[in-house]
């Protein structure tokens, strides 16, 4: 299973922008994620096609389970 932390922000154009981090710690707390999101906004670390990120909207852990049926790799 693939796990990722997905943080969703609103940019200056009012559109959603996502930052995804692969393999987050199992014991990650909402407070830690909020602190990171606040830092991203305060330091204006990322820019999107819709401008700067201006608001933290949400964060979630996404779990993806892939079942391979046929593989051509030899």
PDB file of N, CA and C in Angstrom:
ATOM      1  N   UNK A   1       0.830  -1.179   0.000  1.00  0.00           N
ATOM      2  CA  UNK A   1       0.000   0.000   0.000  1.00  0.00           C
ATOM      3  C   UNK A   1       0.877   1.246   0.000  1.00  0.00           C
ATOM      4  N   UNK A   2       0.517   2.185  -0.837  1.00  0.00           N
ATOM      5  CA  UNK A   2       1.194   3.481  -0.869  1.00  0.00           C
ATOM      6  C   UNK A   2       0.422   4.439   0.023  1.00  0.00           C
ATOM      7  N   UNK A   3       1.153   5.164   0.863  1.00  0.00           N
ATOM      8  CA  UNK A   3       0.537   6.179   1.726  1.00  0.00           C
ATOM      9  C   UNK A   3       1.149   7.524   1.389  1.00  0.00           C
ATOM     10  N   UNK A   4       0.329   8.558   1.418  1.00  0.00           N
ATOM     11  CA  UNK A   4       0.858   9.907   1.240  1.00  0.00           C
ATOM     12  C   UNK A   4       0.041  10.880   2.073  1.00  0.00           C
ATOM     13  N   UNK A   5       0.710  11.938   2.479  1.00  0.00           N
ATOM     14  CA  UNK A   5       0.050  13.042   3.154  1.00  0.00           C
ATOM     15  C   UNK A   5      -0.278  14.065   2.087  1.00  0.00           C
ATOM     16  N   UNK A   6      -1.533  14.452   2.004  1.00  0.00           N
ATOM     17  CA  UNK A   6      -1.957  15.447   1.023  1.00  0.00           C
ATOM     18  C   UNK A   6      -2.440  16.690   1.769  1.00  0.00           C
ATOM     19  N   UNK A   7      -1.766  17.804   1.517  1.00  0.00           N
ATOM     20  CA  UNK A   7      -2.136  19.083   2.134  1.00  0.00           C
ATOM     21  C   UNK A   7      -2.753  19.959   1.046  1.00  0.00           C
ATOM     22  N   UNK A   8      -3.924  20.495   1.332  1.00  0.00           N
ATOM     23  CA  UNK A   8      -4.668  21.257   0.337  1.00  0.00           C
ATOM     24  C   UNK A   8      -4.748  22.717   0.788  1.00  0.00           C
ATOM     25  N   UNK A   9      -4.353  23.594  -0.132  1.00  0.00           N
ATOM     26  CA  UNK A   9      -4.326  25.033   0.111  1.00  0.00           C
ATOM     27  C   UNK A   9      -5.200  25.737  -0.925  1.00  0.00           C
ATOM     28  N   UNK A  10      -5.577  26.952  -0.611  1.00  0.00           N
ATOM     29  CA  UNK A  10      -6.227  27.816  -1.598  1.00  0.00           C
ATOM     30  C   UNK A  10      -5.188  28.821  -2.069  1.00  0.00           C
ATOM     31  N   UNK A  11      -5.136  29.045  -3.387  1.00  0.00           N
ATOM     32  CA  UNK A  11      -4.183  30.028  -3.902  1.00  0.00           C
ATOM     33  C   UNK A  11      -4.870  31.368  -4.134  1.00  0.00           C
ATOM     34  N   UNK A  12      -4.119  32.350  -4.572  1.00  0.00           N
ATOM     35  CA  UNK A  12      -4.629  33.715  -4.740  1.00  0.00           C
ATOM     36  C   UNK A  12      -5.774  33.794  -5.741  1.00  0.00           C
ATOM     37  N   UNK A  13      -5.837  32.849  -6.683  1.00  0.00           N
ATOM     38  CA  UNK A  13      -6.913  32.828  -7.679  1.00  0.00           C
ATOM     39  C   UNK A  13      -8.158  32.122  -7.153  1.00  0.00           C
ATOM     40  N   UNK A  14      -8.102  31.629  -5.917  1.00  0.00           N
ATOM     41  CA  UNK A  14      -9.249  30.943  -5.336  1.00  0.00           C
ATOM     42  C   UNK A  14      -9.332  29.467  -5.701  1.00  0.00           C
ATOM     43  N   UNK A  15      -8.312  28.947  -6.338  1.00  0.00           N
ATOM     44  CA  UNK A  15      -8.273  27.530  -6.734  1.00  0.00           C
ATOM     45  C   UNK A  15      -7.525  26.722  -5.676  1.00  0.00           C
ATOM     46  N   UNK A  16      -7.791  25.422  -5.656  1.00  0.00           N
ATOM     47  CA  UNK A  16      -7.089  24.540  -4.736  1.00  0.00           C
ATOM     48  C   UNK A  16      -5.742  24.131  -5.309  1.00  0.00           C
ATOM     49  N   UNK A  17      -4.753  24.065  -4.428  1.00  0.00           N
ATOM     50  CA  UNK A  17      -3.419  23.588  -4.778  1.00  0.00           C
ATOM     51  C   UNK A  17      -3.049  22.526  -3.751  1.00  0.00           C
ATOM     52  N   UNK A  18      -2.453  21.437  -4.209  1.00  0.00           N
ATOM     53  CA  UNK A  18      -2.121  20.324  -3.328  1.00  0.00           C
ATOM     54  C   UNK A  18      -0.612  20.107  -3.258  1.00  0.00           C
ATOM     55  N   UNK A  19      -0.176  19.757  -2.058  1.00  0.00           N
ATOM     56  CA  UNK A  19       1.196  19.301  -1.850  1.00  0.00           C
ATOM     57  C   UNK A  19       1.075  17.896  -1.291  1.00  0.00           C
ATOM     58  N   UNK A  20       1.758  16.961  -1.923  1.00  0.00           N
ATOM     59  CA  UNK A  20       1.703  15.568  -1.504  1.00  0.00           C
ATOM     60  C   UNK A  20       3.082  15.127  -1.036  1.00  0.00           C
ATOM     61  N   UNK A  21       3.122  14.463   0.115  1.00  0.00           N
ATOM     62  CA  UNK A  21       4.375  13.967   0.691  1.00  0.00           C
ATOM     63  C   UNK A  21       4.249  12.456   0.841  1.00  0.00           C
ATOM     64  N   UNK A  22       5.144  11.732   0.189  1.00  0.00           N
ATOM     65  CA  UNK A  22       5.108  10.269   0.224  1.00  0.00           C
ATOM     66  C   UNK A  22       5.540   9.724   1.575  1.00  0.00           C
ATOM     67  N   UNK A  23       4.953   8.623   1.951  1.00  0.00           N
ATOM     68  CA  UNK A  23       5.322   7.854   3.144  1.00  0.00           C
ATOM     69  C   UNK A  23       5.414   8.684   4.423  1.00  0.00           C
ATOM     70  N   UNK A  24       4.324   9.333   4.828  1.00  0.00           N
ATOM     71  CA  UNK A  24       4.370  10.092   6.079  1.00  0.00           C
ATOM     72  C   UNK A  24       4.501   9.147   7.280  1.00  0.00           C
ATOM     73  N   UNK A  25       5.011   9.677   8.363  1.00  0.00           N
ATOM     74  CA  UNK A  25       5.133   8.880   9.596  1.00  0.00           C
ATOM     75  C   UNK A  25       3.765   8.359  10.018  1.00  0.00           C
ATOM     76  N   UNK A  26       3.761   7.185  10.613  1.00  0.00           N
ATOM     77  CA  UNK A  26       2.510   6.588  11.100  1.00  0.00           C
ATOM     78  C   UNK A  26       1.905   7.399  12.253  1.00  0.00           C
ATOM     79  N   UNK A  27       2.763   8.016  13.062  1.00  0.00           N
ATOM     80  CA  UNK A  27       2.289   8.723  14.256  1.00  0.00           C
ATOM     81  C   UNK A  27       2.146  10.237  14.045  1.00  0.00           C
ATOM     82  N   UNK A  28       2.005  10.665  12.804  1.00  0.00           N
ATOM     83  CA  UNK A  28       1.860  12.079  12.478  1.00  0.00           C
ATOM     84  C   UNK A  28       0.584  12.632  13.122  1.00  0.00           C
ATOM     85  N   UNK A  29       0.695  13.800  13.761  1.00  0.00           N
ATOM     86  CA  UNK A  29      -0.471  14.386  14.428  1.00  0.00           C
ATOM     87  C   UNK A  29      -1.032  15.559  13.623  1.00  0.00           C
ATOM     88  N   UNK A  30      -2.313  15.855  13.819  1.00  0.00           N
ATOM     89  CA  UNK A  30      -2.893  17.020  13.149  1.00  0.00           C
ATOM     90  C   UNK A  30      -2.159  18.320  13.501  1.00  0.00           C
ATOM     91  N   UNK A  31      -1.666  18.425  14.715  1.00  0.00           N
ATOM     92  CA  UNK A  31      -0.955  19.628  15.143  1.00  0.00           C
ATOM     93  C   UNK A  31       0.353  19.794  14.357  1.00  0.00           C
ATOM     94  N   UNK A  32       1.059  18.704  14.107  1.00  0.00           N
ATOM     95  CA  UNK A  32       2.300  18.768  13.336  1.00  0.00           C
ATOM     96  C   UNK A  32       2.027  19.185  11.893  1.00  0.00           C
ATOM     97  N   UNK A  33       0.981  18.620  11.314  1.00  0.00           N
ATOM     98  CA  UNK A  33       0.630  18.965   9.934  1.00  0.00           C
ATOM     99  C   UNK A  33       0.198  20.430   9.853  1.00  0.00           C
ATOM    100  N   UNK A  34      -0.585  20.898  10.815  1.00  0.00           N
ATOM    101  CA  UNK A  34      -1.013  22.296  10.819  1.00  0.00           C
ATOM    102  C   UNK A  34       0.189  23.227  10.916  1.00  0.00           C
ATOM    103  N   UNK A  35       1.169  22.859  11.732  1.00  0.00           N
ATOM    104  CA  UNK A  35       2.378  23.681  11.870  1.00  0.00           C
ATOM    105  C   UNK A  35       3.128  23.775  10.543  1.00  0.00           C
ATOM    106  N   UNK A  36       3.221  22.658   9.828  1.00  0.00           N
ATOM    107  CA  UNK A  36       3.892  22.665   8.527  1.00  0.00           C
ATOM    108  C   UNK A  36       3.119  23.528   7.533  1.00  0.00           C
ATOM    109  N   UNK A  37       1.808  23.387   7.516  1.00  0.00           N
ATOM    110  CA  UNK A  37       0.989  24.175   6.593  1.00  0.00           C
ATOM    111  C   UNK A  37       1.112  25.668   6.904  1.00  0.00           C
ATOM    112  N   UNK A  38       1.145  26.017   8.181  1.00  0.00           N
ATOM    113  CA  UNK A  38       1.319  27.419   8.580  1.00  0.00           C
ATOM    114  C   UNK A  38       2.676  27.948   8.116  1.00  0.00           C
ATOM    115  N   UNK A  39       3.713  27.117   8.211  1.00  0.00           N
ATOM    116  CA  UNK A  39       5.046  27.510   7.762  1.00  0.00           C
ATOM    117  C   UNK A  39       5.076  27.730   6.255  1.00  0.00           C
ATOM    118  N   UNK A  40       4.441  26.829   5.508  1.00  0.00           N
ATOM    119  CA  UNK A  40       4.371  26.977   4.046  1.00  0.00           C
ATOM    120  C   UNK A  40       3.750  28.327   3.693  1.00  0.00           C
ATOM    121  N   UNK A  41       2.675  28.689   4.384  1.00  0.00           N
ATOM    122  CA  UNK A  41       2.014  29.968   4.104  1.00  0.00           C
ATOM    123  C   UNK A  41       2.868  31.158   4.550  1.00  0.00           C
ATOM    124  N   UNK A  42       3.415  31.090   5.747  1.00  0.00           N
ATOM    125  CA  UNK A  42       4.172  32.213   6.302  1.00  0.00           C
ATOM    126  C   UNK A  42       5.438  32.507   5.505  1.00  0.00           C
ATOM    127  N   UNK A  43       6.099  31.474   5.040  1.00  0.00           N
ATOM    128  CA  UNK A  43       7.358  31.664   4.316  1.00  0.00           C
ATOM    129  C   UNK A  43       7.155  31.764   2.810  1.00  0.00           C
ATOM    130  N   UNK A  44       5.907  31.617   2.357  1.00  0.00           N
ATOM    131  CA  UNK A  44       5.582  31.723   0.933  1.00  0.00           C
ATOM    132  C   UNK A  44       6.520  30.831   0.110  1.00  0.00           C
ATOM    133  N   UNK A  45       6.617  29.578   0.522  1.00  0.00           N
ATOM    134  CA  UNK A  45       7.579  28.637  -0.041  1.00  0.00           C
ATOM    135  C   UNK A  45       7.255  28.255  -1.482  1.00  0.00           C
ATOM    136  N   UNK A  46       5.981  28.062  -1.784  1.00  0.00           N
ATOM    137  CA  UNK A  46       5.586  27.576  -3.104  1.00  0.00           C
ATOM    138  C   UNK A  46       4.738  28.612  -3.829  1.00  0.00           C
ATOM    139  N   UNK A  47       4.834  28.594  -5.146  1.00  0.00           N
ATOM    140  CA  UNK A  47       3.995  29.436  -5.988  1.00  0.00           C
ATOM    141  C   UNK A  47       3.249  28.509  -6.941  1.00  0.00           C
ATOM    142  N   UNK A  48       2.010  28.834  -7.237  1.00  0.00           N
ATOM    143  CA  UNK A  48       1.209  28.014  -8.137  1.00  0.00           C
ATOM    144  C   UNK A  48       0.851  28.838  -9.366  1.00  0.00           C
ATOM    145  N   UNK A  49       0.258  28.191 -10.344  1.00  0.00           N
ATOM    146  CA  UNK A  49      -0.166  28.926 -11.540  1.00  0.00           C
ATOM    147  C   UNK A  49      -1.243  29.950 -11.201  1.00  0.00           C
ATOM    148  N   UNK A  50      -1.902  29.772 -10.068  1.00  0.00           N
ATOM    149  CA  UNK A  50      -2.922  30.726  -9.615  1.00  0.00           C
ATOM    150  C   UNK A  50      -2.383  31.708  -8.590  1.00  0.00           C
ATOM    151  N   UNK A  51      -1.059  31.794  -8.482  1.00  0.00           N
ATOM    152  CA  UNK A  51      -0.448  32.725  -7.530  1.00  0.00           C
ATOM    153  C   UNK A  51      -0.061  32.050  -6.229  1.00  0.00           C
ATOM    154  N   UNK A  52       0.275  32.872  -5.253  1.00  0.00           N
ATOM    155  CA  UNK A  52       0.715  32.377  -3.954  1.00  0.00           C
ATOM    156  C   UNK A  52      -0.388  31.594  -3.248  1.00  0.00           C
ATOM    157  N   UNK A  53       0.021  30.670  -2.399  1.00  0.00           N
ATOM    158  CA  UNK A  53      -0.926  29.979  -1.531  1.00  0.00           C
ATOM    159  C   UNK A  53      -1.299  30.945  -0.423  1.00  0.00           C
ATOM    160  N   UNK A  54      -2.598  31.091  -0.164  1.00  0.00           N
ATOM    161  CA  UNK A  54      -3.048  32.096   0.786  1.00  0.00           C
ATOM    162  C   UNK A  54      -3.807  31.527   1.981  1.00  0.00           C
ATOM    163  N   UNK A  55      -4.242  30.265   1.886  1.00  0.00           N
ATOM    164  CA  UNK A  55      -5.049  29.702   2.971  1.00  0.00           C
ATOM    165  C   UNK A  55      -4.889  28.185   3.007  1.00  0.00           C
ATOM    166  N   UNK A  56      -4.728  27.637   4.225  1.00  0.00           N
ATOM    167  CA  UNK A  56      -4.695  26.187   4.412  1.00  0.00           C
ATOM    168  C   UNK A  56      -6.138  25.699   4.516  1.00  0.00           C
ATOM    169  N   UNK A  57      -6.505  24.734   3.694  1.00  0.00           N
ATOM    170  CA  UNK A  57      -7.874  24.240   3.696  1.00  0.00           C
ATOM    171  C   UNK A  57      -8.039  22.919   4.442  1.00  0.00           C
ATOM    172  N   UNK A  58      -7.192  21.936   4.117  1.00  0.00           N
ATOM    173  CA  UNK A  58      -7.344  20.635   4.760  1.00  0.00           C
ATOM    174  C   UNK A  58      -6.098  19.797   4.539  1.00  0.00           C
ATOM    175  N   UNK A  59      -6.050  18.680   5.259  1.00  0.00           N
ATOM    176  CA  UNK A  59      -4.965  17.719   5.087  1.00  0.00           C
ATOM    177  C   UNK A  59      -5.551  16.335   5.333  1.00  0.00           C
ATOM    178  N   UNK A  60      -4.983  15.360   4.623  1.00  0.00           N
ATOM    179  CA  UNK A  60      -5.481  13.998   4.773  1.00  0.00           C
ATOM    180  C   UNK A  60      -4.385  13.003   4.402  1.00  0.00           C
ATOM    181  N   UNK A  61      -4.536  11.803   4.940  1.00  0.00           N
ATOM    182  CA  UNK A  61      -3.668  10.695   4.559  1.00  0.00           C
ATOM    183  C   UNK A  61      -4.415   9.929   3.466  1.00  0.00           C
ATOM    184  N   UNK A  62      -3.744   9.744   2.342  1.00  0.00           N
ATOM    185  CA  UNK A  62      -4.323   9.003   1.219  1.00  0.00           C
ATOM    186  C   UNK A  62      -3.624   7.647   1.149  1.00  0.00           C
ATOM    187  N   UNK A  63      -4.415   6.593   1.130  1.00  0.00           N
ATOM    188  CA  UNK A  63      -3.879   5.234   1.058  1.00  0.00           C
ATOM    189  C   UNK A  63      -4.328   4.634  -0.267  1.00  0.00           C
ATOM    190  N   UNK A  64      -3.346   4.179  -1.021  1.00  0.00           N
ATOM    191  CA  UNK A  64      -3.618   3.617  -2.338  1.00  0.00           C
ATOM    192  C   UNK A  64      -3.132   2.178  -2.360  1.00  0.00           C
ATOM    193  N   UNK A  65      -4.014   1.280  -2.706  1.00  0.00           N
ATOM    194  CA  UNK A  65      -3.688  -0.139  -2.760  1.00  0.00           C
ATOM    195  C   UNK A  65      -3.770  -0.591  -4.216  1.00  0.00           C
ATOM    196  N   UNK A  66      -2.661  -1.046  -4.770  1.00  0.00           N
ATOM    197  CA  UNK A  66      -2.600  -1.469  -6.158  1.00  0.00           C
ATOM    198  C   UNK A  66      -2.447  -2.984  -6.202  1.00  0.00           C
ATOM    199  N   UNK A  67      -3.307  -3.616  -6.982  1.00  0.00           N
ATOM    200  CA  UNK A  67      -3.217  -5.053  -7.191  1.00  0.00           C
ATOM    201  C   UNK A  67      -2.850  -5.273  -8.649  1.00  0.00           C
ATOM    202  N   UNK A  68      -1.634  -5.755  -8.870  1.00  0.00           N
ATOM    203  CA  UNK A  68      -1.164  -5.973 -10.237  1.00  0.00           C
ATOM    204  C   UNK A  68      -1.682  -7.325 -10.723  1.00  0.00           C
ATOM    205  N   UNK A  69      -2.323  -7.307 -11.887  1.00  0.00           N
ATOM    206  CA  UNK A  69      -2.885  -8.531 -12.446  1.00  0.00           C
ATOM    207  C   UNK A  69      -1.957  -9.183 -13.469  1.00  0.00           C
ATOM    208  N   UNK A  70      -1.330  -8.376 -14.299  1.00  0.00           N
ATOM    209  CA  UNK A  70      -0.417  -8.894 -15.310  1.00  0.00           C
ATOM    210  C   UNK A  70       0.799  -7.974 -15.340  1.00  0.00           C
ATOM    211  N   UNK A  71       1.966  -8.573 -15.410  1.00  0.00           N
ATOM    212  CA  UNK A  71       3.194  -7.790 -15.493  1.00  0.00           C
ATOM    213  C   UNK A  71       4.036  -8.292 -16.660  1.00  0.00           C
ATOM    214  N   UNK A  72       4.491  -7.388 -17.488  1.00  0.00           N
ATOM    215  CA  UNK A  72       5.326  -7.752 -18.625  1.00  0.00           C
ATOM    216  C   UNK A  72       6.813  -7.693 -18.282  1.00  0.00           C
ATOM    217  N   UNK A  73       7.137  -7.346 -17.055  1.00  0.00           N
ATOM    218  CA  UNK A  73       8.529  -7.243 -16.623  1.00  0.00           C
ATOM    219  C   UNK A  73       9.106  -8.645 -16.455  1.00  0.00           C
ATOM    220  N   UNK A  74      10.278  -8.868 -17.045  1.00  0.00           N
ATOM    221  CA  UNK A  74      10.891 -10.197 -16.935  1.00  0.00           C
ATOM    222  C   UNK A  74      12.269 -10.114 -16.360  1.00  0.00           C
TER     223      UNK A  74
END
